[in-house]
């Protein structure tokens, strides 16, 4: 929700997309364009789309109690597919359990001895929130410092990178 048009004027909903886990961001896109407040946005991903639900008062003005629910979807076919398992020329690795709570185990598959691995956790905004390095193919990482939510785990090994989506629960 954004009040850049003035608090008393209008709230609108904007977004930016990143297809590389926040390394770079596309231009800002305005999703709503209602003459009155747009609010309570909710996002979900599924079926290759980003789904956005929100309420706005376009049919009722800023007075009264009615605010219908509206919906838009964005095709994400150009972004990262979670079905790929790992990105091009990536390192294959397993993450378990997923969802996880206080700790998570990561095991690199088909990795030659002598390689070290670097593990990074990114939040959904692409911000790096946890980094861990080891010389072992298997590592158990404490995740107590992370709040509940969706994260992307990036593993670097032997000059290659792999990415998985994980979910932290209580």
N, C-alpha and C. Protein backbone atom coordinates (compact mmCIF):
# COMPACT_ATOMS: atom_id res chain seq x y z
N UNK A 1 0.85 -1.17 0.00
CA UNK A 1 0.00 0.00 0.00
C UNK A 1 0.90 1.23 0.00
N UNK A 2 0.55 2.21 -0.75
CA UNK A 2 1.42 3.36 -0.93
C UNK A 2 0.58 4.62 -0.97
N UNK A 3 0.98 5.59 -0.19
CA UNK A 3 0.22 6.84 -0.16
C UNK A 3 0.99 7.99 -0.80
N UNK A 4 1.82 7.69 -1.80
CA UNK A 4 2.61 8.74 -2.45
C UNK A 4 1.75 9.82 -3.10
N UNK A 5 0.49 9.49 -3.38
CA UNK A 5 -0.41 10.49 -3.95
C UNK A 5 -1.08 11.34 -2.88
N UNK A 6 -0.66 11.17 -1.63
CA UNK A 6 -1.22 11.92 -0.53
C UNK A 6 -2.16 11.07 0.29
N UNK A 7 -2.01 11.11 1.60
CA UNK A 7 -2.80 10.27 2.49
C UNK A 7 -4.29 10.45 2.29
N UNK A 8 -4.71 11.68 2.11
CA UNK A 8 -6.14 11.94 1.95
C UNK A 8 -6.60 11.73 0.52
N UNK A 9 -5.65 11.59 -0.40
CA UNK A 9 -6.00 11.47 -1.80
C UNK A 9 -6.29 10.02 -2.19
N UNK A 10 -5.28 9.12 -2.08
CA UNK A 10 -5.47 7.77 -2.58
C UNK A 10 -4.32 6.86 -2.16
N UNK A 11 -4.65 5.63 -1.78
CA UNK A 11 -3.66 4.57 -1.60
C UNK A 11 -3.68 3.73 -2.87
N UNK A 12 -2.53 3.33 -3.34
CA UNK A 12 -2.43 2.44 -4.50
C UNK A 12 -1.44 1.33 -4.17
N UNK A 13 -1.38 0.31 -5.01
CA UNK A 13 -0.50 -0.84 -4.79
C UNK A 13 0.47 -0.92 -5.96
N UNK A 14 1.78 -0.96 -5.65
CA UNK A 14 2.85 -1.02 -6.63
C UNK A 14 3.70 -2.26 -6.38
N UNK A 15 4.45 -2.69 -7.39
CA UNK A 15 5.41 -3.77 -7.18
C UNK A 15 6.58 -3.64 -8.15
N UNK A 16 7.67 -4.33 -7.82
CA UNK A 16 8.83 -4.50 -8.69
C UNK A 16 9.11 -5.98 -8.74
N UNK A 17 9.61 -6.47 -9.88
CA UNK A 17 9.91 -7.89 -10.02
C UNK A 17 11.41 -8.11 -10.15
N UNK A 18 11.86 -9.23 -9.60
CA UNK A 18 13.24 -9.67 -9.76
C UNK A 18 13.22 -11.13 -10.16
N UNK A 19 13.93 -11.48 -11.21
CA UNK A 19 13.99 -12.88 -11.63
C UNK A 19 15.31 -13.52 -11.23
N UNK A 20 16.13 -12.79 -10.44
CA UNK A 20 17.43 -13.33 -10.03
C UNK A 20 17.65 -13.19 -8.53
N UNK A 21 16.59 -13.43 -7.76
CA UNK A 21 16.65 -13.39 -6.29
C UNK A 21 17.12 -12.06 -5.73
N UNK A 22 16.72 -10.98 -6.35
CA UNK A 22 17.01 -9.66 -5.81
C UNK A 22 18.34 -9.06 -6.23
N UNK A 23 19.07 -9.71 -7.13
CA UNK A 23 20.34 -9.14 -7.62
C UNK A 23 20.05 -7.86 -8.42
N UNK A 24 18.94 -7.88 -9.16
CA UNK A 24 18.53 -6.69 -9.91
C UNK A 24 16.99 -6.65 -9.89
N UNK A 25 16.45 -5.45 -10.11
CA UNK A 25 15.00 -5.26 -10.03
C UNK A 25 14.51 -4.55 -11.26
N UNK A 26 13.33 -4.94 -11.72
CA UNK A 26 12.70 -4.30 -12.86
C UNK A 26 12.07 -2.98 -12.45
N UNK A 27 11.45 -2.30 -13.39
CA UNK A 27 10.82 -1.00 -13.09
C UNK A 27 9.60 -1.18 -12.19
N UNK A 28 9.27 -0.14 -11.48
CA UNK A 28 8.10 -0.17 -10.62
C UNK A 28 6.83 -0.18 -11.47
N UNK A 29 5.90 -1.05 -11.10
CA UNK A 29 4.64 -1.17 -11.84
C UNK A 29 3.49 -0.91 -10.88
N UNK A 30 2.57 -0.07 -11.32
CA UNK A 30 1.38 0.23 -10.52
C UNK A 30 0.30 -0.80 -10.86
N UNK A 31 -0.11 -1.57 -9.87
CA UNK A 31 -1.10 -2.61 -10.11
C UNK A 31 -2.53 -2.09 -10.07
N UNK A 32 -2.80 -1.17 -9.18
CA UNK A 32 -4.16 -0.67 -9.05
C UNK A 32 -4.24 0.76 -9.57
N UNK A 33 -5.40 1.14 -9.98
CA UNK A 33 -5.62 2.51 -10.45
C UNK A 33 -7.08 2.86 -10.19
N UNK A 34 -7.41 2.90 -8.92
CA UNK A 34 -8.79 3.18 -8.51
C UNK A 34 -8.90 4.64 -8.08
N UNK A 35 -10.06 5.26 -8.25
CA UNK A 35 -10.21 6.66 -7.84
C UNK A 35 -10.22 6.84 -6.32
N UNK A 36 -10.37 5.73 -5.56
CA UNK A 36 -10.37 5.79 -4.09
C UNK A 36 -9.38 4.78 -3.54
N UNK A 37 -9.25 4.72 -2.23
CA UNK A 37 -8.24 3.89 -1.57
C UNK A 37 -8.26 2.42 -2.03
N UNK A 38 -7.05 1.87 -2.31
CA UNK A 38 -6.83 0.44 -2.53
C UNK A 38 -6.02 -0.04 -1.34
N UNK A 39 -6.42 -1.14 -0.73
CA UNK A 39 -5.73 -1.56 0.48
C UNK A 39 -5.85 -3.06 0.71
N UNK A 40 -5.15 -3.54 1.75
CA UNK A 40 -5.12 -4.96 2.14
C UNK A 40 -4.66 -5.88 1.01
N UNK A 41 -3.52 -5.59 0.36
CA UNK A 41 -3.07 -6.49 -0.71
C UNK A 41 -2.59 -7.82 -0.13
N UNK A 42 -2.87 -8.90 -0.84
CA UNK A 42 -2.38 -10.23 -0.49
C UNK A 42 -1.83 -10.86 -1.75
N UNK A 43 -0.63 -11.43 -1.65
CA UNK A 43 0.04 -12.06 -2.79
C UNK A 43 0.15 -13.55 -2.57
N UNK A 44 0.07 -14.31 -3.65
CA UNK A 44 0.30 -15.76 -3.61
C UNK A 44 0.86 -16.17 -4.96
N UNK A 45 1.73 -17.18 -4.96
CA UNK A 45 2.27 -17.73 -6.20
C UNK A 45 1.74 -19.14 -6.38
N UNK A 46 1.40 -19.49 -7.59
CA UNK A 46 0.95 -20.84 -7.88
C UNK A 46 0.56 -20.98 -9.33
N UNK A 47 0.80 -22.15 -9.88
CA UNK A 47 0.41 -22.40 -11.26
C UNK A 47 1.12 -21.52 -12.26
N UNK A 48 2.33 -21.04 -11.92
CA UNK A 48 3.08 -20.19 -12.83
C UNK A 48 2.64 -18.74 -12.84
N UNK A 49 1.82 -18.35 -11.85
CA UNK A 49 1.33 -16.98 -11.80
C UNK A 49 1.55 -16.37 -10.42
N UNK A 50 1.65 -15.05 -10.39
CA UNK A 50 1.57 -14.28 -9.16
C UNK A 50 0.12 -13.81 -9.07
N UNK A 51 -0.54 -14.13 -7.97
CA UNK A 51 -1.94 -13.76 -7.77
C UNK A 51 -2.01 -12.64 -6.75
N UNK A 52 -2.73 -11.58 -7.06
CA UNK A 52 -2.89 -10.45 -6.15
C UNK A 52 -4.37 -10.22 -5.89
N UNK A 53 -4.71 -10.17 -4.62
CA UNK A 53 -6.06 -9.83 -4.18
C UNK A 53 -5.97 -8.56 -3.36
N UNK A 54 -6.94 -7.68 -3.48
CA UNK A 54 -6.96 -6.46 -2.68
C UNK A 54 -8.40 -5.96 -2.61
N UNK A 55 -8.59 -5.01 -1.74
CA UNK A 55 -9.88 -4.35 -1.65
C UNK A 55 -9.71 -2.91 -2.11
N UNK A 56 -10.72 -2.38 -2.74
CA UNK A 56 -10.72 -0.93 -2.98
C UNK A 56 -12.15 -0.42 -3.01
N UNK A 57 -12.25 0.89 -2.94
CA UNK A 57 -13.55 1.53 -2.76
C UNK A 57 -14.00 2.24 -4.03
N UNK A 58 -13.58 1.77 -5.20
CA UNK A 58 -13.89 2.45 -6.46
C UNK A 58 -15.39 2.61 -6.71
N UNK A 59 -16.18 1.67 -6.20
CA UNK A 59 -17.63 1.75 -6.44
C UNK A 59 -18.40 2.46 -5.35
N UNK A 60 -17.73 2.74 -4.21
CA UNK A 60 -18.45 3.29 -3.07
C UNK A 60 -17.84 4.56 -2.50
N UNK A 61 -16.74 5.03 -3.06
CA UNK A 61 -16.07 6.20 -2.50
C UNK A 61 -15.39 5.85 -1.19
N UNK A 62 -14.88 6.84 -0.50
CA UNK A 62 -14.16 6.58 0.74
C UNK A 62 -15.07 6.57 1.97
N UNK A 63 -16.37 6.58 1.77
CA UNK A 63 -17.27 6.50 2.91
C UNK A 63 -18.06 5.19 2.83
N UNK A 64 -18.67 4.82 3.91
CA UNK A 64 -19.43 3.58 3.94
C UNK A 64 -18.56 2.40 4.33
N UNK A 65 -19.18 1.24 4.48
CA UNK A 65 -18.45 0.07 4.97
C UNK A 65 -18.14 -0.95 3.88
N UNK A 66 -18.65 -0.80 2.67
CA UNK A 66 -18.42 -1.79 1.63
C UNK A 66 -17.12 -1.52 0.90
N UNK A 67 -16.35 -2.59 0.72
CA UNK A 67 -15.12 -2.52 -0.06
C UNK A 67 -14.94 -3.87 -0.74
N UNK A 68 -15.36 -4.01 -2.00
CA UNK A 68 -15.28 -5.29 -2.69
C UNK A 68 -13.85 -5.78 -2.87
N UNK A 69 -13.72 -7.08 -3.06
CA UNK A 69 -12.45 -7.74 -3.30
C UNK A 69 -12.17 -7.76 -4.79
N UNK A 70 -10.93 -7.43 -5.20
CA UNK A 70 -10.52 -7.44 -6.60
C UNK A 70 -9.34 -8.38 -6.78
N UNK A 71 -9.08 -8.78 -8.03
CA UNK A 71 -8.06 -9.78 -8.32
C UNK A 71 -7.36 -9.47 -9.63
N UNK A 72 -6.02 -9.68 -9.65
CA UNK A 72 -5.21 -9.63 -10.87
C UNK A 72 -4.20 -10.76 -10.78
N UNK A 73 -3.72 -11.20 -11.94
CA UNK A 73 -2.65 -12.19 -11.93
C UNK A 73 -1.60 -11.81 -12.95
N UNK A 74 -0.35 -12.21 -12.67
CA UNK A 74 0.79 -11.91 -13.53
C UNK A 74 1.46 -13.22 -13.90
N UNK A 75 1.68 -13.44 -15.17
CA UNK A 75 2.36 -14.63 -15.66
C UNK A 75 3.84 -14.56 -15.27
N UNK A 76 4.33 -15.59 -14.60
CA UNK A 76 5.72 -15.62 -14.15
C UNK A 76 6.57 -16.57 -14.98
N UNK A 77 6.14 -16.91 -16.17
CA UNK A 77 6.86 -17.90 -16.96
C UNK A 77 8.29 -17.48 -17.28
N UNK A 78 8.60 -16.20 -17.22
CA UNK A 78 9.97 -15.76 -17.47
C UNK A 78 10.85 -15.77 -16.25
N UNK A 79 10.28 -16.07 -15.06
CA UNK A 79 11.05 -16.05 -13.81
C UNK A 79 11.63 -17.40 -13.47
N UNK A 80 12.07 -17.54 -12.24
CA UNK A 80 12.66 -18.77 -11.75
C UNK A 80 11.55 -19.79 -11.50
N UNK A 81 11.70 -20.96 -12.04
CA UNK A 81 10.71 -22.02 -11.82
C UNK A 81 11.16 -22.89 -10.66
N UNK A 82 10.31 -23.07 -9.67
CA UNK A 82 10.70 -23.90 -8.54
C UNK A 82 10.70 -25.37 -8.93
N UNK A 83 10.19 -25.73 -10.09
CA UNK A 83 10.20 -27.11 -10.53
C UNK A 83 11.54 -27.51 -11.14
N UNK A 84 12.38 -26.55 -11.48
CA UNK A 84 13.66 -26.86 -12.10
C UNK A 84 14.60 -27.60 -11.16
N UNK A 85 14.46 -27.41 -9.86
CA UNK A 85 15.34 -28.08 -8.91
C UNK A 85 16.63 -27.31 -8.72
N UNK A 86 17.32 -27.00 -9.78
CA UNK A 86 18.50 -26.16 -9.69
C UNK A 86 18.63 -25.36 -10.98
N UNK A 87 19.30 -24.24 -10.88
CA UNK A 87 19.43 -23.38 -12.05
C UNK A 87 20.48 -23.91 -13.00
N UNK A 88 20.54 -23.36 -14.19
CA UNK A 88 21.44 -23.84 -15.22
C UNK A 88 22.85 -24.03 -14.70
N UNK A 89 23.46 -25.14 -15.07
CA UNK A 89 24.80 -25.57 -14.64
C UNK A 89 24.95 -25.48 -13.13
N UNK A 90 23.85 -25.75 -12.42
CA UNK A 90 23.86 -25.62 -10.96
C UNK A 90 24.33 -26.86 -10.25
N UNK A 91 24.56 -26.69 -8.96
CA UNK A 91 24.91 -27.80 -8.09
C UNK A 91 23.61 -28.38 -7.54
N UNK A 92 23.50 -29.69 -7.53
CA UNK A 92 22.30 -30.33 -7.02
C UNK A 92 22.46 -30.57 -5.53
N UNK A 93 21.45 -30.24 -4.74
CA UNK A 93 21.54 -30.43 -3.30
C UNK A 93 20.15 -30.71 -2.74
N UNK A 94 20.14 -31.39 -1.60
CA UNK A 94 18.89 -31.67 -0.91
C UNK A 94 18.75 -30.81 0.33
N UNK A 95 17.54 -30.44 0.64
CA UNK A 95 17.25 -29.64 1.82
C UNK A 95 16.15 -30.36 2.59
N UNK A 96 16.39 -30.62 3.87
CA UNK A 96 15.37 -31.29 4.66
C UNK A 96 15.51 -30.93 6.12
N UNK A 97 14.47 -30.94 6.90
CA UNK A 97 13.09 -31.04 6.40
C UNK A 97 12.67 -29.74 5.73
N UNK A 98 11.66 -29.80 4.94
CA UNK A 98 11.08 -28.62 4.30
C UNK A 98 9.58 -28.82 4.23
N UNK A 99 8.81 -28.11 5.03
CA UNK A 99 9.16 -26.97 5.87
C UNK A 99 10.01 -27.38 7.09
N UNK A 100 10.72 -26.38 7.64
CA UNK A 100 11.62 -26.59 8.76
C UNK A 100 11.25 -25.65 9.89
N UNK A 101 11.86 -25.88 11.07
CA UNK A 101 11.57 -24.97 12.19
C UNK A 101 12.88 -24.43 12.77
N UNK A 102 13.56 -25.17 13.64
CA UNK A 102 14.75 -24.62 14.31
C UNK A 102 16.06 -24.91 13.61
N UNK A 103 16.09 -25.94 12.76
CA UNK A 103 17.31 -26.23 12.01
C UNK A 103 16.96 -26.88 10.70
N UNK A 104 17.91 -26.81 9.78
CA UNK A 104 17.71 -27.37 8.45
C UNK A 104 19.01 -28.06 8.04
N UNK A 105 18.89 -29.18 7.36
CA UNK A 105 20.07 -29.92 6.89
C UNK A 105 20.17 -29.76 5.38
N UNK A 106 21.40 -29.55 4.91
CA UNK A 106 21.65 -29.40 3.48
C UNK A 106 22.72 -30.41 3.10
N UNK A 107 22.46 -31.16 2.04
CA UNK A 107 23.40 -32.19 1.59
C UNK A 107 23.62 -32.01 0.10
N UNK A 108 24.88 -31.77 -0.27
CA UNK A 108 25.22 -31.64 -1.69
C UNK A 108 25.35 -33.03 -2.29
N UNK A 109 24.75 -33.21 -3.45
CA UNK A 109 24.80 -34.49 -4.15
C UNK A 109 25.83 -34.42 -5.26
N UNK A 110 26.50 -35.51 -5.51
CA UNK A 110 27.46 -35.61 -6.62
C UNK A 110 28.53 -34.53 -6.56
N UNK A 111 29.03 -34.24 -5.37
CA UNK A 111 30.05 -33.21 -5.22
C UNK A 111 31.39 -33.88 -4.93
N UNK A 112 32.41 -33.53 -5.69
CA UNK A 112 33.74 -34.11 -5.48
C UNK A 112 34.30 -33.69 -4.13
N UNK A 113 35.05 -34.60 -3.47
CA UNK A 113 35.68 -34.23 -2.19
C UNK A 113 36.64 -33.06 -2.39
N UNK A 114 36.79 -32.26 -1.37
CA UNK A 114 37.71 -31.12 -1.43
C UNK A 114 37.03 -29.80 -1.73
N UNK A 115 35.81 -29.84 -2.25
CA UNK A 115 35.09 -28.60 -2.50
C UNK A 115 34.46 -28.10 -1.20
N UNK A 116 34.53 -26.81 -0.99
CA UNK A 116 33.78 -26.24 0.13
C UNK A 116 32.45 -25.75 -0.41
N UNK A 117 31.47 -25.65 0.47
CA UNK A 117 30.18 -25.12 0.03
C UNK A 117 29.85 -23.86 0.82
N UNK A 118 29.20 -22.96 0.15
CA UNK A 118 28.72 -21.73 0.78
C UNK A 118 27.21 -21.71 0.64
N UNK A 119 26.53 -21.54 1.77
CA UNK A 119 25.07 -21.55 1.80
C UNK A 119 24.59 -20.15 2.18
N UNK A 120 23.67 -19.61 1.39
CA UNK A 120 23.07 -18.31 1.69
C UNK A 120 21.56 -18.45 1.71
N UNK A 121 20.93 -17.80 2.67
CA UNK A 121 19.48 -17.73 2.75
C UNK A 121 19.06 -16.32 2.34
N UNK A 122 18.05 -16.22 1.47
CA UNK A 122 17.49 -14.94 1.06
C UNK A 122 16.01 -14.91 1.42
N UNK A 123 15.52 -13.76 1.88
CA UNK A 123 14.09 -13.64 2.12
C UNK A 123 13.39 -13.38 0.79
N UNK A 124 12.08 -13.25 0.80
CA UNK A 124 11.33 -13.10 -0.45
C UNK A 124 11.61 -11.77 -1.15
N UNK A 125 12.19 -10.83 -0.44
CA UNK A 125 12.56 -9.55 -1.06
C UNK A 125 13.96 -9.60 -1.68
N UNK A 126 14.65 -10.74 -1.54
CA UNK A 126 15.99 -10.89 -2.09
C UNK A 126 17.09 -10.45 -1.16
N UNK A 127 16.76 -10.15 0.10
CA UNK A 127 17.76 -9.72 1.08
C UNK A 127 18.44 -10.95 1.68
N UNK A 128 19.78 -10.92 1.70
CA UNK A 128 20.56 -12.00 2.29
C UNK A 128 20.39 -11.95 3.81
N UNK A 129 19.92 -13.06 4.41
CA UNK A 129 19.62 -13.06 5.84
C UNK A 129 20.47 -14.04 6.64
N UNK A 130 21.16 -14.98 5.99
CA UNK A 130 21.98 -15.96 6.70
C UNK A 130 23.02 -16.52 5.74
N UNK A 131 24.27 -16.65 6.21
CA UNK A 131 25.35 -17.20 5.39
C UNK A 131 26.09 -18.24 6.22
N UNK A 132 26.47 -19.35 5.57
CA UNK A 132 27.17 -20.43 6.26
C UNK A 132 28.15 -21.05 5.27
N UNK A 133 29.39 -21.32 5.73
CA UNK A 133 30.39 -21.97 4.88
C UNK A 133 30.93 -23.19 5.57
N UNK A 134 31.19 -24.26 4.78
CA UNK A 134 31.72 -25.49 5.33
C UNK A 134 32.50 -26.25 4.26
N UNK A 135 33.36 -27.16 4.69
CA UNK A 135 34.10 -28.02 3.77
C UNK A 135 33.42 -29.38 3.63
N UNK A 136 32.32 -29.57 4.33
CA UNK A 136 31.60 -30.84 4.33
C UNK A 136 30.51 -30.85 3.26
N UNK A 137 30.15 -32.04 2.78
CA UNK A 137 29.04 -32.17 1.82
C UNK A 137 27.69 -32.06 2.50
N UNK A 138 27.67 -32.26 3.82
CA UNK A 138 26.42 -32.21 4.58
C UNK A 138 26.60 -31.23 5.73
N UNK A 139 25.61 -30.36 5.91
CA UNK A 139 25.69 -29.37 6.98
C UNK A 139 24.31 -29.23 7.62
N UNK A 140 24.30 -29.03 8.92
CA UNK A 140 23.07 -28.76 9.65
C UNK A 140 23.18 -27.33 10.18
N UNK A 141 22.21 -26.49 9.85
CA UNK A 141 22.29 -25.06 10.16
C UNK A 141 21.16 -24.69 11.11
N UNK A 142 21.50 -23.97 12.18
CA UNK A 142 20.49 -23.44 13.09
C UNK A 142 19.78 -22.28 12.40
N UNK A 143 18.47 -22.31 12.43
CA UNK A 143 17.67 -21.27 11.77
C UNK A 143 16.82 -20.51 12.78
N UNK A 144 17.22 -20.55 14.04
CA UNK A 144 16.45 -19.87 15.10
C UNK A 144 16.36 -18.37 14.86
N UNK A 145 17.38 -17.79 14.21
CA UNK A 145 17.38 -16.34 13.98
C UNK A 145 16.40 -15.91 12.89
N UNK A 146 15.89 -16.85 12.11
CA UNK A 146 14.97 -16.52 11.02
C UNK A 146 13.53 -16.53 11.52
N UNK A 147 12.74 -15.58 11.05
CA UNK A 147 11.32 -15.58 11.38
C UNK A 147 10.60 -16.53 10.41
N UNK A 148 9.37 -16.87 10.73
CA UNK A 148 8.59 -17.76 9.88
C UNK A 148 8.36 -17.11 8.52
N UNK A 149 8.38 -17.92 7.47
CA UNK A 149 8.13 -17.40 6.13
C UNK A 149 8.82 -18.20 5.06
N UNK A 150 8.81 -17.67 3.85
CA UNK A 150 9.41 -18.31 2.68
C UNK A 150 10.82 -17.75 2.48
N UNK A 151 11.76 -18.65 2.19
CA UNK A 151 13.15 -18.27 1.93
C UNK A 151 13.65 -19.01 0.70
N UNK A 152 14.73 -18.49 0.12
CA UNK A 152 15.43 -19.17 -0.95
C UNK A 152 16.81 -19.51 -0.43
N UNK A 153 17.20 -20.78 -0.59
CA UNK A 153 18.52 -21.24 -0.17
C UNK A 153 19.37 -21.35 -1.42
N UNK A 154 20.49 -20.65 -1.41
CA UNK A 154 21.43 -20.68 -2.52
C UNK A 154 22.69 -21.41 -2.05
N UNK A 155 23.12 -22.41 -2.80
CA UNK A 155 24.33 -23.16 -2.46
C UNK A 155 25.33 -22.99 -3.59
N UNK A 156 26.55 -22.57 -3.23
CA UNK A 156 27.66 -22.47 -4.17
C UNK A 156 28.65 -23.58 -3.85
N UNK A 157 29.07 -24.33 -4.85
CA UNK A 157 30.06 -25.39 -4.67
C UNK A 157 30.77 -25.62 -6.00
N UNK A 158 32.08 -25.66 -5.97
CA UNK A 158 32.84 -25.91 -7.19
C UNK A 158 32.55 -24.92 -8.30
N UNK A 159 32.25 -23.67 -7.94
CA UNK A 159 31.97 -22.64 -8.94
C UNK A 159 30.58 -22.71 -9.54
N UNK A 160 29.73 -23.59 -9.00
CA UNK A 160 28.36 -23.72 -9.50
C UNK A 160 27.37 -23.33 -8.41
N UNK A 161 26.16 -22.97 -8.86
CA UNK A 161 25.15 -22.49 -7.92
C UNK A 161 23.85 -23.26 -8.11
N UNK A 162 23.19 -23.53 -7.00
CA UNK A 162 21.86 -24.14 -7.03
C UNK A 162 20.96 -23.38 -6.07
N UNK A 163 19.65 -23.38 -6.32
CA UNK A 163 18.70 -22.63 -5.50
C UNK A 163 17.48 -23.49 -5.22
N UNK A 164 17.00 -23.44 -3.98
CA UNK A 164 15.77 -24.12 -3.57
C UNK A 164 14.91 -23.17 -2.76
N UNK A 165 13.61 -23.35 -2.86
CA UNK A 165 12.67 -22.59 -2.02
C UNK A 165 12.38 -23.43 -0.78
N UNK A 166 12.42 -22.78 0.40
CA UNK A 166 12.12 -23.45 1.67
C UNK A 166 11.15 -22.60 2.47
N UNK A 167 10.49 -23.24 3.44
CA UNK A 167 9.51 -22.54 4.27
C UNK A 167 9.83 -22.81 5.73
N UNK A 168 9.95 -21.73 6.53
CA UNK A 168 10.15 -21.87 7.96
C UNK A 168 8.80 -21.74 8.66
N UNK A 169 8.53 -22.72 9.55
CA UNK A 169 7.31 -22.71 10.34
C UNK A 169 7.71 -22.67 11.80
N UNK A 170 6.74 -22.41 12.69
CA UNK A 170 7.04 -22.35 14.13
C UNK A 170 7.35 -23.73 14.66
